[in-house]
Amino acid sequence: TAKTCSQQGIGCGPAGDGCGGALACGSCPTGQT
């Protein structure tokens, strides 16, 4: 069962879904990284 960015507590950048797939968890606002 693939997990979302929210379920993994990831707020930004790329991540894995736990099942071999990749997620895009968003970018940051100006002034933050």
PDB file of all heavy atoms in Angstrom:
ATOM      1  N   THR A   1       0.846  -1.192   0.000  1.00  0.00           N
ATOM      2  CA  THR A   1       0.000   0.000   0.000  1.00  0.00           C
ATOM      3  C   THR A   1       0.880   1.241   0.000  1.00  0.00           C
ATOM      4  O   THR A   1       1.593   1.514   0.972  1.00  0.00           O
ATOM      5  CB  THR A   1      -0.925   0.018   1.232  1.00  0.00           C
ATOM      6  OG1 THR A   1      -1.724  -1.168   1.239  1.00  0.00           O
ATOM      7  CG2 THR A   1      -1.827   1.242   1.197  1.00  0.00           C
ATOM      8  N   ALA A   2       0.854   1.982  -1.100  1.00  0.00           N
ATOM      9  CA  ALA A   2       1.674   3.186  -1.208  1.00  0.00           C
ATOM     10  C   ALA A   2       1.189   4.247  -0.220  1.00  0.00           C
ATOM     11  O   ALA A   2      -0.013   4.373   0.044  1.00  0.00           O
ATOM     12  CB  ALA A   2       1.621   3.725  -2.629  1.00  0.00           C
ATOM     13  N   LYS A   3       2.135   4.996   0.333  1.00  0.00           N
ATOM     14  CA  LYS A   3       1.815   6.065   1.280  1.00  0.00           C
ATOM     15  C   LYS A   3       2.005   7.425   0.617  1.00  0.00           C
ATOM     16  O   LYS A   3       2.885   7.611  -0.213  1.00  0.00           O
ATOM     17  CB  LYS A   3       2.698   5.953   2.521  1.00  0.00           C
ATOM     18  CG  LYS A   3       2.389   4.722   3.364  1.00  0.00           C
ATOM     19  CD  LYS A   3       3.147   4.745   4.681  1.00  0.00           C
ATOM     20  CE  LYS A   3       2.748   3.556   5.557  1.00  0.00           C
ATOM     21  NZ  LYS A   3       3.464   3.572   6.852  1.00  0.00           N
ATOM     22  N   THR A   4       1.144   8.371   1.010  1.00  0.00           N
ATOM     23  CA  THR A   4       1.216   9.721   0.466  1.00  0.00           C
ATOM     24  C   THR A   4       2.251  10.543   1.219  1.00  0.00           C
ATOM     25  O   THR A   4       2.769  10.126   2.271  1.00  0.00           O
ATOM     26  CB  THR A   4      -0.150  10.412   0.580  1.00  0.00           C
ATOM     27  OG1 THR A   4      -0.484  10.557   1.975  1.00  0.00           O
ATOM     28  CG2 THR A   4      -1.239   9.583  -0.102  1.00  0.00           C
ATOM     29  N   CYS A   5       2.520  11.752   0.702  1.00  0.00           N
ATOM     30  CA  CYS A   5       3.427  12.668   1.402  1.00  0.00           C
ATOM     31  C   CYS A   5       2.891  12.975   2.796  1.00  0.00           C
ATOM     32  O   CYS A   5       3.631  12.957   3.791  1.00  0.00           O
ATOM     33  CB  CYS A   5       3.567  13.970   0.607  1.00  0.00           C
ATOM     34  SG  CYS A   5       4.280  13.770  -1.046  1.00  0.00           S
ATOM     35  N   SER A   6       1.581  13.230   2.879  1.00  0.00           N
ATOM     36  CA  SER A   6       0.959  13.578   4.153  1.00  0.00           C
ATOM     37  C   SER A   6       1.069  12.435   5.156  1.00  0.00           C
ATOM     38  O   SER A   6       1.373  12.654   6.335  1.00  0.00           O
ATOM     39  CB  SER A   6      -0.507  13.949   3.918  1.00  0.00           C
ATOM     40  OG  SER A   6      -1.166  14.203   5.141  1.00  0.00           O
ATOM     41  N   GLN A   7       0.827  11.204   4.698  1.00  0.00           N
ATOM     42  CA  GLN A   7       0.898  10.060   5.603  1.00  0.00           C
ATOM     43  C   GLN A   7       2.301   9.842   6.155  1.00  0.00           C
ATOM     44  O   GLN A   7       2.462   9.306   7.253  1.00  0.00           O
ATOM     45  CB  GLN A   7       0.427   8.801   4.869  1.00  0.00           C
ATOM     46  CG  GLN A   7      -1.070   8.768   4.598  1.00  0.00           C
ATOM     47  CD  GLN A   7      -1.477   7.612   3.703  1.00  0.00           C
ATOM     48  OE1 GLN A   7      -0.725   7.187   2.819  1.00  0.00           O
ATOM     49  NE2 GLN A   7      -2.666   7.085   3.916  1.00  0.00           N
ATOM     50  N   GLN A   8       3.309  10.268   5.413  1.00  0.00           N
ATOM     51  CA  GLN A   8       4.689  10.113   5.876  1.00  0.00           C
ATOM     52  C   GLN A   8       5.212  11.356   6.575  1.00  0.00           C
ATOM     53  O   GLN A   8       6.363  11.387   7.005  1.00  0.00           O
ATOM     54  CB  GLN A   8       5.590   9.779   4.686  1.00  0.00           C
ATOM     55  CG  GLN A   8       5.225   8.482   3.982  1.00  0.00           C
ATOM     56  CD  GLN A   8       6.152   8.191   2.822  1.00  0.00           C
ATOM     57  OE1 GLN A   8       7.307   7.777   2.997  1.00  0.00           O
ATOM     58  NE2 GLN A   8       5.678   8.418   1.607  1.00  0.00           N
ATOM     59  N   GLY A   9       4.354  12.382   6.680  1.00  0.00           N
ATOM     60  CA  GLY A   9       4.782  13.619   7.337  1.00  0.00           C
ATOM     61  C   GLY A   9       5.832  14.381   6.569  1.00  0.00           C
ATOM     62  O   GLY A   9       6.682  15.044   7.159  1.00  0.00           O
ATOM     63  N   ILE A  10       5.789  14.298   5.232  1.00  0.00           N
ATOM     64  CA  ILE A  10       6.775  14.979   4.387  1.00  0.00           C
ATOM     65  C   ILE A  10       6.127  16.206   3.769  1.00  0.00           C
ATOM     66  O   ILE A  10       5.083  16.105   3.120  1.00  0.00           O
ATOM     67  CB  ILE A  10       7.294  14.031   3.293  1.00  0.00           C
ATOM     68  CG1 ILE A  10       8.001  12.845   3.939  1.00  0.00           C
ATOM     69  CG2 ILE A  10       8.225  14.758   2.342  1.00  0.00           C
ATOM     70  CD1 ILE A  10       8.432  11.774   2.967  1.00  0.00           C
ATOM     71  N   GLY A  11       6.729  17.369   3.962  1.00  0.00           N
ATOM     72  CA  GLY A  11       6.126  18.619   3.515  1.00  0.00           C
ATOM     73  C   GLY A  11       6.712  19.201   2.250  1.00  0.00           C
ATOM     74  O   GLY A  11       6.152  20.145   1.695  1.00  0.00           O
ATOM     75  N   CYS A  12       7.847  18.681   1.775  1.00  0.00           N
ATOM     76  CA  CYS A  12       8.475  19.272   0.590  1.00  0.00           C
ATOM     77  C   CYS A  12       9.472  18.308  -0.028  1.00  0.00           C
ATOM     78  O   CYS A  12       9.892  17.338   0.604  1.00  0.00           O
ATOM     79  CB  CYS A  12       9.177  20.586   0.948  1.00  0.00           C
ATOM     80  SG  CYS A  12      10.458  20.400   2.228  1.00  0.00           S
ATOM     81  N   GLY A  13       9.824  18.596  -1.283  1.00  0.00           N
ATOM     82  CA  GLY A  13      10.847  17.841  -1.982  1.00  0.00           C
ATOM     83  C   GLY A  13      10.363  16.487  -2.463  1.00  0.00           C
ATOM     84  O   GLY A  13       9.211  16.105  -2.270  1.00  0.00           O
ATOM     85  N   PRO A  14      11.237  15.726  -3.119  1.00  0.00           N
ATOM     86  CA  PRO A  14      10.869  14.387  -3.587  1.00  0.00           C
ATOM     87  C   PRO A  14      10.910  13.393  -2.435  1.00  0.00           C
ATOM     88  O   PRO A  14      11.577  13.614  -1.427  1.00  0.00           O
ATOM     89  CB  PRO A  14      11.946  14.078  -4.625  1.00  0.00           C
ATOM     90  CG  PRO A  14      13.143  14.845  -4.145  1.00  0.00           C
ATOM     91  CD  PRO A  14      12.608  16.101  -3.509  1.00  0.00           C
ATOM     92  N   ALA A  15      10.196  12.280  -2.588  1.00  0.00           N
ATOM     93  CA  ALA A  15      10.183  11.235  -1.567  1.00  0.00           C
ATOM     94  C   ALA A  15       9.767   9.932  -2.224  1.00  0.00           C
ATOM     95  O   ALA A  15       9.243   9.917  -3.341  1.00  0.00           O
ATOM     96  CB  ALA A  15       9.232  11.596  -0.438  1.00  0.00           C
ATOM     97  N   GLY A  16       9.972   8.830  -1.539  1.00  0.00           N
ATOM     98  CA  GLY A  16       9.484   7.539  -1.991  1.00  0.00           C
ATOM     99  C   GLY A  16       8.137   7.247  -1.369  1.00  0.00           C
ATOM    100  O   GLY A  16       7.806   7.771  -0.300  1.00  0.00           O
ATOM    101  N   ASP A  17       7.330   6.391  -2.041  1.00  0.00           N
ATOM    102  CA  ASP A  17       6.009   6.041  -1.506  1.00  0.00           C
ATOM    103  C   ASP A  17       6.039   4.757  -0.692  1.00  0.00           C
ATOM    104  O   ASP A  17       5.005   4.269  -0.246  1.00  0.00           O
ATOM    105  CB  ASP A  17       4.979   5.924  -2.634  1.00  0.00           C
ATOM    106  CG  ASP A  17       5.282   4.790  -3.611  1.00  0.00           C
ATOM    107  OD1 ASP A  17       6.285   4.060  -3.399  1.00  0.00           O
ATOM    108  OD2 ASP A  17       4.521   4.628  -4.574  1.00  0.00           O
ATOM    109  N   GLY A  18       7.236   4.198  -0.473  1.00  0.00           N
ATOM    110  CA  GLY A  18       7.368   2.986   0.322  1.00  0.00           C
ATOM    111  C   GLY A  18       7.190   1.718  -0.470  1.00  0.00           C
ATOM    112  O   GLY A  18       7.400   0.629   0.066  1.00  0.00           O
ATOM    113  N   CYS A  19       6.778   1.824  -1.721  1.00  0.00           N
ATOM    114  CA  CYS A  19       6.529   0.645  -2.556  1.00  0.00           C
ATOM    115  C   CYS A  19       7.365   0.684  -3.828  1.00  0.00           C
ATOM    116  O   CYS A  19       7.036   0.020  -4.817  1.00  0.00           O
ATOM    117  CB  CYS A  19       5.044   0.556  -2.904  1.00  0.00           C
ATOM    118  SG  CYS A  19       3.964   0.348  -1.473  1.00  0.00           S
ATOM    119  N   GLY A  20       8.409   1.502  -3.833  1.00  0.00           N
ATOM    120  CA  GLY A  20       9.277   1.577  -4.998  1.00  0.00           C
ATOM    121  C   GLY A  20       8.981   2.732  -5.927  1.00  0.00           C
ATOM    122  O   GLY A  20       9.693   2.956  -6.891  1.00  0.00           O
ATOM    123  N   GLY A  21       7.905   3.486  -5.661  1.00  0.00           N
ATOM    124  CA  GLY A  21       7.550   4.630  -6.490  1.00  0.00           C
ATOM    125  C   GLY A  21       8.072   5.938  -5.903  1.00  0.00           C
ATOM    126  O   GLY A  21       8.526   5.988  -4.763  1.00  0.00           O
ATOM    127  N   ALA A  22       8.007   6.995  -6.699  1.00  0.00           N
ATOM    128  CA  ALA A  22       8.483   8.309  -6.268  1.00  0.00           C
ATOM    129  C   ALA A  22       7.317   9.276  -6.121  1.00  0.00           C
ATOM    130  O   ALA A  22       6.313   9.181  -6.819  1.00  0.00           O
ATOM    131  CB  ALA A  22       9.494   8.872  -7.270  1.00  0.00           C
ATOM    132  N   LEU A  23       7.446  10.196  -5.169  1.00  0.00           N
ATOM    133  CA  LEU A  23       6.439  11.226  -4.921  1.00  0.00           C
ATOM    134  C   LEU A  23       7.080  12.597  -5.060  1.00  0.00           C
ATOM    135  O   LEU A  23       8.269  12.774  -4.776  1.00  0.00           O
ATOM    136  CB  LEU A  23       5.866  11.106  -3.502  1.00  0.00           C
ATOM    137  CG  LEU A  23       5.144   9.807  -3.130  1.00  0.00           C
ATOM    138  CD1 LEU A  23       4.871   9.779  -1.629  1.00  0.00           C
ATOM    139  CD2 LEU A  23       3.843   9.693  -3.902  1.00  0.00           C
ATOM    140  N   ALA A  24       6.302  13.582  -5.476  1.00  0.00           N
ATOM    141  CA  ALA A  24       6.723  14.984  -5.475  1.00  0.00           C
ATOM    142  C   ALA A  24       5.897  15.681  -4.403  1.00  0.00           C
ATOM    143  O   ALA A  24       4.690  15.844  -4.536  1.00  0.00           O
ATOM    144  CB  ALA A  24       6.497  15.616  -6.842  1.00  0.00           C
ATOM    145  N   CYS A  25       6.551  16.047  -3.307  1.00  0.00           N
ATOM    146  CA  CYS A  25       5.839  16.578  -2.137  1.00  0.00           C
ATOM    147  C   CYS A  25       5.802  18.100  -2.084  1.00  0.00           C
ATOM    148  O   CYS A  25       5.540  18.680  -1.035  1.00  0.00           O
ATOM    149  CB  CYS A  25       6.440  15.999  -0.861  1.00  0.00           C
ATOM    150  SG  CYS A  25       6.295  14.196  -0.754  1.00  0.00           S
ATOM    151  N   GLY A  26       6.059  18.757  -3.209  1.00  0.00           N
ATOM    152  CA  GLY A  26       5.871  20.208  -3.288  1.00  0.00           C
ATOM    153  C   GLY A  26       7.130  21.013  -3.052  1.00  0.00           C
ATOM    154  O   GLY A  26       8.155  20.500  -2.605  1.00  0.00           O
ATOM    155  N   SER A  27       7.033  22.295  -3.406  1.00  0.00           N
ATOM    156  CA  SER A  27       8.151  23.219  -3.233  1.00  0.00           C
ATOM    157  C   SER A  27       7.887  24.137  -2.044  1.00  0.00           C
ATOM    158  O   SER A  27       6.811  24.120  -1.450  1.00  0.00           O
ATOM    159  CB  SER A  27       8.345  24.050  -4.504  1.00  0.00           C
ATOM    160  OG  SER A  27       7.138  24.727  -4.839  1.00  0.00           O
ATOM    161  N   CYS A  28       8.859  24.944  -1.714  1.00  0.00           N
ATOM    162  CA  CYS A  28       8.757  25.838  -0.559  1.00  0.00           C
ATOM    163  C   CYS A  28       8.531  27.272  -1.021  1.00  0.00           C
ATOM    164  O   CYS A  28       8.927  27.661  -2.125  1.00  0.00           O
ATOM    165  CB  CYS A  28      10.033  25.766   0.276  1.00  0.00           C
ATOM    166  SG  CYS A  28      10.280  24.153   1.060  1.00  0.00           S
ATOM    167  N   PRO A  29       7.898  28.095  -0.169  1.00  0.00           N
ATOM    168  CA  PRO A  29       7.680  29.509  -0.529  1.00  0.00           C
ATOM    169  C   PRO A  29       8.997  30.273  -0.602  1.00  0.00           C
ATOM    170  O   PRO A  29      10.031  29.817  -0.101  1.00  0.00           O
ATOM    171  CB  PRO A  29       6.789  30.018   0.603  1.00  0.00           C
ATOM    172  CG  PRO A  29       7.036  29.099   1.755  1.00  0.00           C
ATOM    173  CD  PRO A  29       7.314  27.759   1.148  1.00  0.00           C
ATOM    174  N   THR A  30       8.939  31.438  -1.238  1.00  0.00           N
ATOM    175  CA  THR A  30      10.127  32.286  -1.376  1.00  0.00           C
ATOM    176  C   THR A  30      10.749  32.562  -0.009  1.00  0.00           C
ATOM    177  O   THR A  30      10.057  32.890   0.951  1.00  0.00           O
ATOM    178  CB  THR A  30       9.751  33.612  -2.052  1.00  0.00           C
ATOM    179  OG1 THR A  30       9.153  33.327  -3.315  1.00  0.00           O
ATOM    180  CG2 THR A  30      10.986  34.477  -2.252  1.00  0.00           C
ATOM    181  N   GLY A  31      12.062  32.417   0.058  1.00  0.00           N
ATOM    182  CA  GLY A  31      12.767  32.666   1.313  1.00  0.00           C
ATOM    183  C   GLY A  31      12.967  31.426   2.145  1.00  0.00           C
ATOM    184  O   GLY A  31      13.680  31.459   3.140  1.00  0.00           O
ATOM    185  N   GLN A  32      12.320  30.323   1.757  1.00  0.00           N
ATOM    186  CA  GLN A  32      12.479  29.072   2.481  1.00  0.00           C
ATOM    187  C   GLN A  32      12.984  27.984   1.532  1.00  0.00           C
ATOM    188  O   GLN A  32      12.816  28.082   0.319  1.00  0.00           O
ATOM    189  CB  GLN A  32      11.158  28.624   3.110  1.00  0.00           C
ATOM    190  CG  GLN A  32      10.616  29.576   4.162  1.00  0.00           C
ATOM    191  CD  GLN A  32       9.389  29.004   4.856  1.00  0.00           C
ATOM    192  OE1 GLN A  32       9.219  27.787   4.947  1.00  0.00           O
ATOM    193  NE2 GLN A  32       8.539  29.889   5.363  1.00  0.00           N
ATOM    194  N   THR A  33      13.593  26.957   2.101  1.00  0.00           N
ATOM    195  CA  THR A  33      14.040  25.815   1.317  1.00  0.00           C
ATOM    196  C   THR A  33      13.681  24.541   2.071  1.00  0.00           C
ATOM    197  O   THR A  33      13.396  24.569   3.264  1.00  0.00           O
ATOM    198  CB  THR A  33      15.567  25.850   1.077  1.00  0.00           C
ATOM    199  OG1 THR A  33      16.235  25.881   2.337  1.00  0.00           O
ATOM    200  CG2 THR A  33      15.963  27.051   0.245  1.00  0.00           C
TER     201      THR A  33
END
